[in-house]
Amino acid sequence: MLRRPALTLASLALVAALTSCGSSGSDASDTSSTGAPSTTAAADAATTTTGGEAATSEASAGTGAITLVDGPAPAERTITLHADGTFEPDELTVAVGEVVTFEAAADAGTHAVTFDGSDSYTITGGLTESFTIDEPGTYTASDLVGDARATITVTG
């Protein structure tokens, strides 16, 4: 069951984090070129939303928390959103707690990525957002702007 206040707060925190992408400062009182507060979130102070509400099977559907984290993931754990509305790769297997980065190609415009129908995360062309998932299972990332889907299998 999703908790609306927590998801709303998580969405607002994500928007604040996205507006600071590219900022070199790490102090919350710094401002980015948009004038919004700059934020850097440590993994233990990250924003958490619960995904998995659209689960199709208790045994394989992901029901863990998806946590926004600070810092890039290794290149092999990056899913790129292309201008033609596709994800590359469209399947990825990671371990519980391993960082996965969504990167929007520079010419891709703005994308809204959601995990199993949870609130969406906005990722603008040329920028990245990184996440961890804390429960084994299969999660579907969907681009609400295009029809792209990627399957992330999390192993325990």
N, C-alpha and C. Protein backbone atom coordinates (compact mmCIF):
# COMPACT_ATOMS: atom_id res chain seq x y z
N MET A 1 0.85 -1.17 0.00
CA MET A 1 0.00 0.00 0.00
C MET A 1 0.89 1.23 0.00
N LEU A 2 0.66 2.12 -0.92
CA LEU A 2 1.47 3.34 -1.01
C LEU A 2 1.01 4.34 0.03
N ARG A 3 1.93 5.04 0.56
CA ARG A 3 1.61 6.09 1.52
C ARG A 3 1.79 7.41 0.80
N ARG A 4 0.68 8.05 0.47
CA ARG A 4 0.68 9.27 -0.33
C ARG A 4 1.57 10.37 0.25
N PRO A 5 1.50 10.69 1.54
CA PRO A 5 2.37 11.76 2.06
C PRO A 5 3.85 11.46 1.85
N ALA A 6 4.23 10.20 2.05
CA ALA A 6 5.64 9.84 1.88
C ALA A 6 6.04 9.96 0.42
N LEU A 7 5.16 9.53 -0.49
CA LEU A 7 5.47 9.62 -1.91
C LEU A 7 5.52 11.07 -2.37
N THR A 8 4.60 11.89 -1.87
CA THR A 8 4.61 13.30 -2.22
C THR A 8 5.90 13.95 -1.75
N LEU A 9 6.29 13.66 -0.51
CA LEU A 9 7.54 14.19 0.03
C LEU A 9 8.73 13.69 -0.78
N ALA A 10 8.71 12.42 -1.14
CA ALA A 10 9.81 11.85 -1.93
C ALA A 10 9.89 12.53 -3.29
N SER A 11 8.74 12.79 -3.92
CA SER A 11 8.73 13.45 -5.22
C SER A 11 9.29 14.87 -5.11
N LEU A 12 8.89 15.58 -4.07
CA LEU A 12 9.40 16.95 -3.89
C LEU A 12 10.91 16.94 -3.65
N ALA A 13 11.38 15.97 -2.88
CA ALA A 13 12.82 15.87 -2.63
C ALA A 13 13.56 15.56 -3.92
N LEU A 14 12.98 14.71 -4.77
CA LEU A 14 13.61 14.38 -6.04
C LEU A 14 13.69 15.61 -6.94
N VAL A 15 12.60 16.39 -7.00
CA VAL A 15 12.62 17.60 -7.81
C VAL A 15 13.72 18.53 -7.33
N ALA A 16 13.85 18.68 -6.01
CA ALA A 16 14.92 19.53 -5.46
C ALA A 16 16.28 18.98 -5.84
N ALA A 17 16.44 17.67 -5.79
CA ALA A 17 17.73 17.06 -6.14
C ALA A 17 18.03 17.25 -7.61
N LEU A 18 17.01 17.11 -8.46
CA LEU A 18 17.23 17.27 -9.90
C LEU A 18 17.63 18.69 -10.27
N THR A 19 17.09 19.67 -9.57
CA THR A 19 17.44 21.05 -9.90
C THR A 19 18.87 21.37 -9.55
N SER A 20 19.50 20.54 -8.71
CA SER A 20 20.88 20.79 -8.33
C SER A 20 21.87 19.99 -9.14
N CYS A 21 21.40 19.14 -10.06
CA CYS A 21 22.33 18.34 -10.88
C CYS A 21 23.31 19.25 -11.59
N GLY A 22 24.55 18.91 -11.55
CA GLY A 22 25.57 19.70 -12.21
C GLY A 22 26.19 20.74 -11.30
N SER A 23 25.64 20.94 -10.13
CA SER A 23 26.19 21.90 -9.19
C SER A 23 27.44 21.33 -8.56
N SER A 24 28.46 22.15 -8.40
CA SER A 24 29.71 21.67 -7.81
C SER A 24 29.71 21.81 -6.29
N GLY A 25 28.74 22.51 -5.73
CA GLY A 25 28.70 22.70 -4.29
C GLY A 25 28.08 21.52 -3.60
N SER A 26 28.42 21.37 -2.29
CA SER A 26 27.82 20.29 -1.55
C SER A 26 27.05 20.80 -0.34
N ASP A 27 26.99 22.09 -0.15
CA ASP A 27 26.29 22.68 0.97
C ASP A 27 24.84 22.93 0.57
N ALA A 28 23.91 22.60 1.42
CA ALA A 28 22.50 22.76 1.11
C ALA A 28 22.12 24.22 0.93
N SER A 29 22.95 25.16 1.37
CA SER A 29 22.63 26.57 1.20
C SER A 29 23.13 27.11 -0.13
N ASP A 30 23.92 26.34 -0.87
CA ASP A 30 24.34 26.75 -2.20
C ASP A 30 23.14 26.77 -3.11
N THR A 31 23.20 27.56 -4.20
CA THR A 31 22.13 27.52 -5.18
C THR A 31 22.71 27.17 -6.53
N SER A 32 21.92 26.46 -7.31
CA SER A 32 22.34 26.11 -8.67
C SER A 32 21.98 27.26 -9.58
N SER A 33 22.22 27.07 -10.88
CA SER A 33 21.94 28.13 -11.84
C SER A 33 20.46 28.46 -11.90
N THR A 34 19.59 27.59 -11.40
CA THR A 34 18.16 27.87 -11.39
C THR A 34 17.73 28.60 -10.14
N GLY A 35 18.65 28.79 -9.18
CA GLY A 35 18.32 29.47 -7.95
C GLY A 35 17.73 28.55 -6.89
N ALA A 36 17.57 27.28 -7.22
CA ALA A 36 17.01 26.32 -6.26
C ALA A 36 18.12 25.84 -5.34
N PRO A 37 17.79 25.46 -4.12
CA PRO A 37 18.82 24.96 -3.21
C PRO A 37 19.53 23.75 -3.79
N SER A 38 20.82 23.69 -3.58
CA SER A 38 21.62 22.55 -4.02
C SER A 38 21.59 21.51 -2.93
N THR A 39 21.43 20.25 -3.30
CA THR A 39 21.42 19.19 -2.29
C THR A 39 22.34 18.07 -2.69
N THR A 40 22.97 17.46 -1.70
CA THR A 40 23.69 16.21 -1.92
C THR A 40 23.22 15.27 -0.84
N ALA A 41 22.70 14.13 -1.23
CA ALA A 41 22.13 13.19 -0.27
C ALA A 41 23.05 12.01 -0.12
N ALA A 42 23.43 11.71 1.10
CA ALA A 42 24.19 10.48 1.36
C ALA A 42 23.23 9.32 1.24
N ALA A 43 23.76 8.15 0.96
CA ALA A 43 22.90 6.98 0.77
C ALA A 43 22.04 6.74 2.00
N ASP A 44 22.57 6.99 3.25
CA ASP A 44 21.76 6.73 4.42
C ASP A 44 20.73 7.82 4.67
N ALA A 45 20.83 8.96 3.99
CA ALA A 45 19.85 10.02 4.17
C ALA A 45 19.04 10.22 2.90
N ALA A 46 18.99 9.20 2.07
CA ALA A 46 18.33 9.30 0.77
C ALA A 46 16.82 9.25 0.91
N THR A 47 16.13 9.71 -0.14
CA THR A 47 14.69 9.67 -0.21
C THR A 47 14.26 8.28 -0.62
N THR A 48 13.24 7.76 0.03
CA THR A 48 12.79 6.40 -0.26
C THR A 48 11.32 6.41 -0.66
N THR A 49 10.99 5.68 -1.72
CA THR A 49 9.61 5.42 -2.08
C THR A 49 9.44 3.93 -2.21
N THR A 50 8.25 3.48 -1.95
CA THR A 50 8.00 2.05 -2.03
C THR A 50 7.37 1.73 -3.36
N GLY A 51 7.98 0.81 -4.11
CA GLY A 51 7.47 0.39 -5.41
C GLY A 51 6.81 -0.96 -5.28
N GLY A 52 6.33 -1.47 -6.39
CA GLY A 52 5.83 -2.82 -6.42
C GLY A 52 4.33 -2.93 -6.34
N GLU A 53 3.58 -1.84 -6.28
CA GLU A 53 2.14 -1.94 -6.16
C GLU A 53 1.52 -2.62 -7.36
N ALA A 54 2.11 -2.52 -8.53
CA ALA A 54 1.57 -3.14 -9.73
C ALA A 54 2.10 -4.55 -9.91
N ALA A 55 2.45 -5.19 -8.82
CA ALA A 55 3.05 -6.53 -8.87
C ALA A 55 2.10 -7.52 -9.51
N THR A 56 2.67 -8.42 -10.32
CA THR A 56 1.87 -9.44 -10.97
C THR A 56 2.01 -10.78 -10.28
N SER A 57 3.05 -10.96 -9.49
CA SER A 57 3.26 -12.23 -8.81
C SER A 57 4.00 -11.98 -7.52
N GLU A 58 3.48 -12.50 -6.42
CA GLU A 58 4.13 -12.31 -5.13
C GLU A 58 5.56 -12.83 -5.12
N ALA A 59 5.82 -13.92 -5.83
CA ALA A 59 7.12 -14.56 -5.78
C ALA A 59 8.18 -13.81 -6.56
N SER A 60 7.82 -13.16 -7.66
CA SER A 60 8.85 -12.56 -8.49
C SER A 60 8.77 -11.05 -8.60
N ALA A 61 7.65 -10.45 -8.26
CA ALA A 61 7.51 -9.01 -8.41
C ALA A 61 8.29 -8.30 -7.31
N GLY A 62 8.93 -7.19 -7.68
CA GLY A 62 9.70 -6.43 -6.71
C GLY A 62 8.79 -5.64 -5.79
N THR A 63 9.06 -5.69 -4.51
CA THR A 63 8.26 -4.94 -3.54
C THR A 63 9.14 -4.13 -2.61
N GLY A 64 10.42 -4.01 -2.92
CA GLY A 64 11.34 -3.30 -2.05
C GLY A 64 11.29 -1.81 -2.25
N ALA A 65 11.97 -1.11 -1.38
CA ALA A 65 12.08 0.34 -1.49
C ALA A 65 13.09 0.69 -2.57
N ILE A 66 12.77 1.70 -3.34
CA ILE A 66 13.66 2.22 -4.36
C ILE A 66 14.18 3.54 -3.82
N THR A 67 15.50 3.65 -3.63
CA THR A 67 16.09 4.77 -2.93
C THR A 67 16.98 5.59 -3.86
N LEU A 68 16.72 6.89 -3.92
CA LEU A 68 17.54 7.82 -4.68
C LEU A 68 18.86 7.98 -3.94
N VAL A 69 19.99 7.85 -4.65
CA VAL A 69 21.30 7.98 -4.01
C VAL A 69 22.14 9.03 -4.74
N ASP A 70 23.16 9.50 -4.06
CA ASP A 70 24.07 10.49 -4.62
C ASP A 70 25.26 9.79 -5.25
N GLY A 71 25.67 10.23 -6.41
CA GLY A 71 26.85 9.69 -7.06
C GLY A 71 26.52 8.75 -8.20
N PRO A 72 27.41 8.66 -9.17
CA PRO A 72 27.16 7.82 -10.35
C PRO A 72 27.38 6.34 -10.07
N ALA A 73 26.75 5.52 -10.86
CA ALA A 73 26.96 4.07 -10.81
C ALA A 73 28.02 3.70 -11.82
N PRO A 74 28.62 2.53 -11.67
CA PRO A 74 29.55 2.06 -12.70
C PRO A 74 28.83 2.00 -14.04
N ALA A 75 29.56 2.17 -15.12
CA ALA A 75 28.97 2.23 -16.46
C ALA A 75 28.12 1.01 -16.77
N GLU A 76 28.52 -0.18 -16.29
CA GLU A 76 27.74 -1.38 -16.61
C GLU A 76 26.42 -1.44 -15.85
N ARG A 77 26.16 -0.54 -14.96
CA ARG A 77 24.91 -0.49 -14.20
C ARG A 77 24.11 0.77 -14.57
N THR A 78 24.30 1.26 -15.78
CA THR A 78 23.62 2.45 -16.24
C THR A 78 22.64 2.10 -17.34
N ILE A 79 21.42 2.62 -17.23
CA ILE A 79 20.40 2.47 -18.27
C ILE A 79 20.25 3.84 -18.92
N THR A 80 20.44 3.90 -20.23
CA THR A 80 20.37 5.16 -20.97
C THR A 80 19.00 5.32 -21.61
N LEU A 81 18.43 6.51 -21.47
CA LEU A 81 17.17 6.85 -22.11
C LEU A 81 17.52 7.63 -23.37
N HIS A 82 17.18 7.09 -24.52
CA HIS A 82 17.55 7.70 -25.80
C HIS A 82 16.44 8.62 -26.32
N ALA A 83 16.81 9.50 -27.24
CA ALA A 83 15.87 10.45 -27.84
C ALA A 83 14.73 9.74 -28.56
N ASP A 84 14.97 8.52 -29.06
CA ASP A 84 13.91 7.79 -29.77
C ASP A 84 12.95 7.09 -28.80
N GLY A 85 13.10 7.34 -27.51
CA GLY A 85 12.18 6.80 -26.52
C GLY A 85 12.47 5.38 -26.10
N THR A 86 13.71 4.93 -26.21
CA THR A 86 14.07 3.57 -25.81
C THR A 86 15.05 3.59 -24.65
N PHE A 87 15.05 2.49 -23.88
CA PHE A 87 16.04 2.27 -22.83
C PHE A 87 17.10 1.34 -23.37
N GLU A 88 18.36 1.59 -22.97
CA GLU A 88 19.45 0.68 -23.34
C GLU A 88 20.36 0.50 -22.14
N PRO A 89 20.51 -0.71 -21.63
CA PRO A 89 19.84 -1.94 -22.04
C PRO A 89 18.41 -1.95 -21.52
N ASP A 90 17.60 -2.85 -22.04
CA ASP A 90 16.22 -2.94 -21.57
C ASP A 90 16.05 -4.05 -20.52
N GLU A 91 17.14 -4.74 -20.20
CA GLU A 91 17.16 -5.72 -19.11
C GLU A 91 18.47 -5.58 -18.36
N LEU A 92 18.40 -5.62 -17.03
CA LEU A 92 19.59 -5.46 -16.20
C LEU A 92 19.41 -6.29 -14.93
N THR A 93 20.47 -6.97 -14.52
CA THR A 93 20.45 -7.74 -13.27
C THR A 93 21.47 -7.14 -12.32
N VAL A 94 21.03 -6.84 -11.10
CA VAL A 94 21.90 -6.25 -10.08
C VAL A 94 21.66 -6.97 -8.75
N ALA A 95 22.57 -6.77 -7.81
CA ALA A 95 22.42 -7.30 -6.46
C ALA A 95 21.65 -6.30 -5.60
N VAL A 96 21.03 -6.78 -4.54
CA VAL A 96 20.35 -5.90 -3.58
C VAL A 96 21.33 -4.81 -3.15
N GLY A 97 20.88 -3.56 -3.16
CA GLY A 97 21.69 -2.44 -2.71
C GLY A 97 22.68 -1.90 -3.73
N GLU A 98 22.81 -2.55 -4.87
CA GLU A 98 23.74 -2.08 -5.90
C GLU A 98 23.14 -0.85 -6.59
N VAL A 99 23.98 0.13 -6.88
CA VAL A 99 23.53 1.38 -7.48
C VAL A 99 23.24 1.19 -8.97
N VAL A 100 22.06 1.66 -9.40
CA VAL A 100 21.66 1.66 -10.80
C VAL A 100 21.45 3.12 -11.19
N THR A 101 22.03 3.54 -12.31
CA THR A 101 21.89 4.92 -12.77
C THR A 101 21.05 4.97 -14.03
N PHE A 102 20.10 5.90 -14.06
CA PHE A 102 19.36 6.21 -15.28
C PHE A 102 19.99 7.49 -15.83
N GLU A 103 20.38 7.43 -17.09
CA GLU A 103 21.04 8.56 -17.75
C GLU A 103 20.21 8.93 -18.97
N ALA A 104 19.83 10.19 -19.07
CA ALA A 104 19.12 10.66 -20.26
C ALA A 104 20.16 11.19 -21.24
N ALA A 105 20.16 10.65 -22.46
CA ALA A 105 21.09 11.13 -23.48
C ALA A 105 20.91 12.63 -23.66
N ALA A 106 21.98 13.32 -24.04
CA ALA A 106 21.96 14.78 -24.14
C ALA A 106 20.82 15.30 -25.02
N ASP A 107 20.50 14.56 -26.08
CA ASP A 107 19.45 15.00 -27.01
C ASP A 107 18.09 14.38 -26.69
N ALA A 108 17.95 13.79 -25.53
CA ALA A 108 16.74 13.02 -25.21
C ALA A 108 15.59 13.86 -24.65
N GLY A 109 15.84 15.09 -24.30
CA GLY A 109 14.77 15.88 -23.70
C GLY A 109 14.52 15.44 -22.26
N THR A 110 13.30 15.62 -21.81
CA THR A 110 12.94 15.28 -20.44
C THR A 110 12.13 14.00 -20.41
N HIS A 111 12.47 13.12 -19.47
CA HIS A 111 11.77 11.85 -19.31
C HIS A 111 11.19 11.76 -17.91
N ALA A 112 10.12 11.01 -17.76
CA ALA A 112 9.52 10.73 -16.45
C ALA A 112 9.57 9.22 -16.26
N VAL A 113 10.44 8.77 -15.37
CA VAL A 113 10.63 7.34 -15.14
C VAL A 113 9.88 6.93 -13.89
N THR A 114 9.15 5.83 -13.98
CA THR A 114 8.43 5.28 -12.84
C THR A 114 8.81 3.82 -12.67
N PHE A 115 8.80 3.35 -11.43
CA PHE A 115 9.07 1.95 -11.13
C PHE A 115 7.77 1.28 -10.72
N ASP A 116 7.32 0.32 -11.50
CA ASP A 116 6.10 -0.45 -11.19
C ASP A 116 4.92 0.45 -10.83
N GLY A 117 4.77 1.57 -11.53
CA GLY A 117 3.63 2.43 -11.33
C GLY A 117 3.70 3.38 -10.15
N SER A 118 4.85 3.44 -9.46
CA SER A 118 4.99 4.39 -8.35
C SER A 118 5.12 5.80 -8.91
N ASP A 119 5.29 6.78 -8.04
CA ASP A 119 5.50 8.15 -8.50
C ASP A 119 6.68 8.18 -9.46
N SER A 120 6.66 9.16 -10.36
CA SER A 120 7.71 9.23 -11.38
C SER A 120 8.85 10.15 -10.95
N TYR A 121 10.00 9.92 -11.57
CA TYR A 121 11.21 10.72 -11.36
C TYR A 121 11.54 11.39 -12.68
N THR A 122 11.73 12.70 -12.67
CA THR A 122 12.03 13.43 -13.89
C THR A 122 13.54 13.45 -14.12
N ILE A 123 13.94 13.04 -15.33
CA ILE A 123 15.35 13.05 -15.71
C ILE A 123 15.46 13.79 -17.04
N THR A 124 16.23 14.87 -17.04
CA THR A 124 16.38 15.72 -18.21
C THR A 124 17.62 15.33 -18.99
N GLY A 125 17.57 15.50 -20.32
CA GLY A 125 18.68 15.15 -21.21
C GLY A 125 20.03 15.63 -20.70
N GLY A 126 21.00 14.71 -20.69
CA GLY A 126 22.35 15.00 -20.25
C GLY A 126 22.57 14.79 -18.76
N LEU A 127 21.51 14.51 -18.01
CA LEU A 127 21.64 14.34 -16.56
C LEU A 127 21.38 12.89 -16.15
N THR A 128 21.70 12.57 -14.91
CA THR A 128 21.52 11.21 -14.40
C THR A 128 20.83 11.24 -13.04
N GLU A 129 20.23 10.13 -12.70
CA GLU A 129 19.72 9.88 -11.35
C GLU A 129 20.08 8.45 -11.00
N SER A 130 20.51 8.23 -9.76
CA SER A 130 20.94 6.90 -9.32
C SER A 130 20.04 6.40 -8.20
N PHE A 131 19.81 5.09 -8.19
CA PHE A 131 18.91 4.46 -7.24
C PHE A 131 19.51 3.17 -6.71
N THR A 132 19.04 2.73 -5.56
CA THR A 132 19.28 1.38 -5.07
C THR A 132 17.93 0.75 -4.79
N ILE A 133 17.87 -0.58 -4.82
CA ILE A 133 16.65 -1.32 -4.51
C ILE A 133 17.01 -2.29 -3.40
N ASP A 134 16.21 -2.31 -2.34
CA ASP A 134 16.58 -3.07 -1.14
C ASP A 134 15.93 -4.45 -0.99
N GLU A 135 15.18 -4.90 -1.98
CA GLU A 135 14.55 -6.22 -1.91
C GLU A 135 14.74 -6.96 -3.22
N PRO A 136 15.04 -8.27 -3.17
CA PRO A 136 15.12 -9.04 -4.41
C PRO A 136 13.76 -9.05 -5.11
N GLY A 137 13.78 -9.17 -6.41
CA GLY A 137 12.55 -9.24 -7.20
C GLY A 137 12.78 -8.69 -8.58
N THR A 138 11.70 -8.58 -9.33
CA THR A 138 11.75 -8.05 -10.68
C THR A 138 10.97 -6.74 -10.70
N TYR A 139 11.61 -5.69 -11.16
CA TYR A 139 11.03 -4.35 -11.19
C TYR A 139 10.96 -3.88 -12.64
N THR A 140 9.89 -3.17 -12.98
CA THR A 140 9.76 -2.62 -14.32
C THR A 140 9.88 -1.10 -14.24
N ALA A 141 10.84 -0.57 -14.99
CA ALA A 141 10.99 0.88 -15.10
C ALA A 141 10.31 1.29 -16.41
N SER A 142 9.45 2.28 -16.35
CA SER A 142 8.73 2.74 -17.54
C SER A 142 8.96 4.22 -17.73
N ASP A 143 9.07 4.63 -18.99
CA ASP A 143 9.18 6.05 -19.33
C ASP A 143 7.78 6.54 -19.66
N LEU A 144 7.25 7.45 -18.86
CA LEU A 144 5.90 7.95 -19.08
C LEU A 144 5.80 8.88 -20.27
N VAL A 145 6.94 9.38 -20.76
CA VAL A 145 6.96 10.26 -21.92
C VAL A 145 6.88 9.42 -23.20
N GLY A 146 7.62 8.32 -23.24
CA GLY A 146 7.60 7.41 -24.38
C GLY A 146 7.05 6.07 -23.94
N ASP A 147 7.27 5.06 -24.73
CA ASP A 147 6.77 3.72 -24.40
C ASP A 147 7.86 2.80 -23.88
N ALA A 148 9.02 3.33 -23.57
CA ALA A 148 10.15 2.49 -23.17
C ALA A 148 9.88 1.79 -21.84
N ARG A 149 10.37 0.55 -21.77
CA ARG A 149 10.31 -0.24 -20.54
C ARG A 149 11.64 -0.95 -20.37
N ALA A 150 12.08 -1.04 -19.13
CA ALA A 150 13.29 -1.81 -18.80
C ALA A 150 12.95 -2.68 -17.60
N THR A 151 13.48 -3.90 -17.61
CA THR A 151 13.27 -4.82 -16.51
C THR A 151 14.55 -4.89 -15.69
N ILE A 152 14.44 -4.63 -14.40
CA ILE A 152 15.58 -4.71 -13.49
C ILE A 152 15.32 -5.88 -12.55
N THR A 153 16.19 -6.90 -12.63
CA THR A 153 16.09 -8.06 -11.76
C THR A 153 17.08 -7.87 -10.62
N VAL A 154 16.58 -7.89 -9.39
CA VAL A 154 17.42 -7.69 -8.22
C VAL A 154 17.57 -9.04 -7.52
N THR A 155 18.83 -9.47 -7.37
CA THR A 155 19.11 -10.76 -6.74
C THR A 155 19.55 -10.54 -5.30
N GLY A 156 19.26 -11.51 -4.45
CA GLY A 156 19.53 -11.37 -3.03
C GLY A 156 20.85 -11.88 -2.63
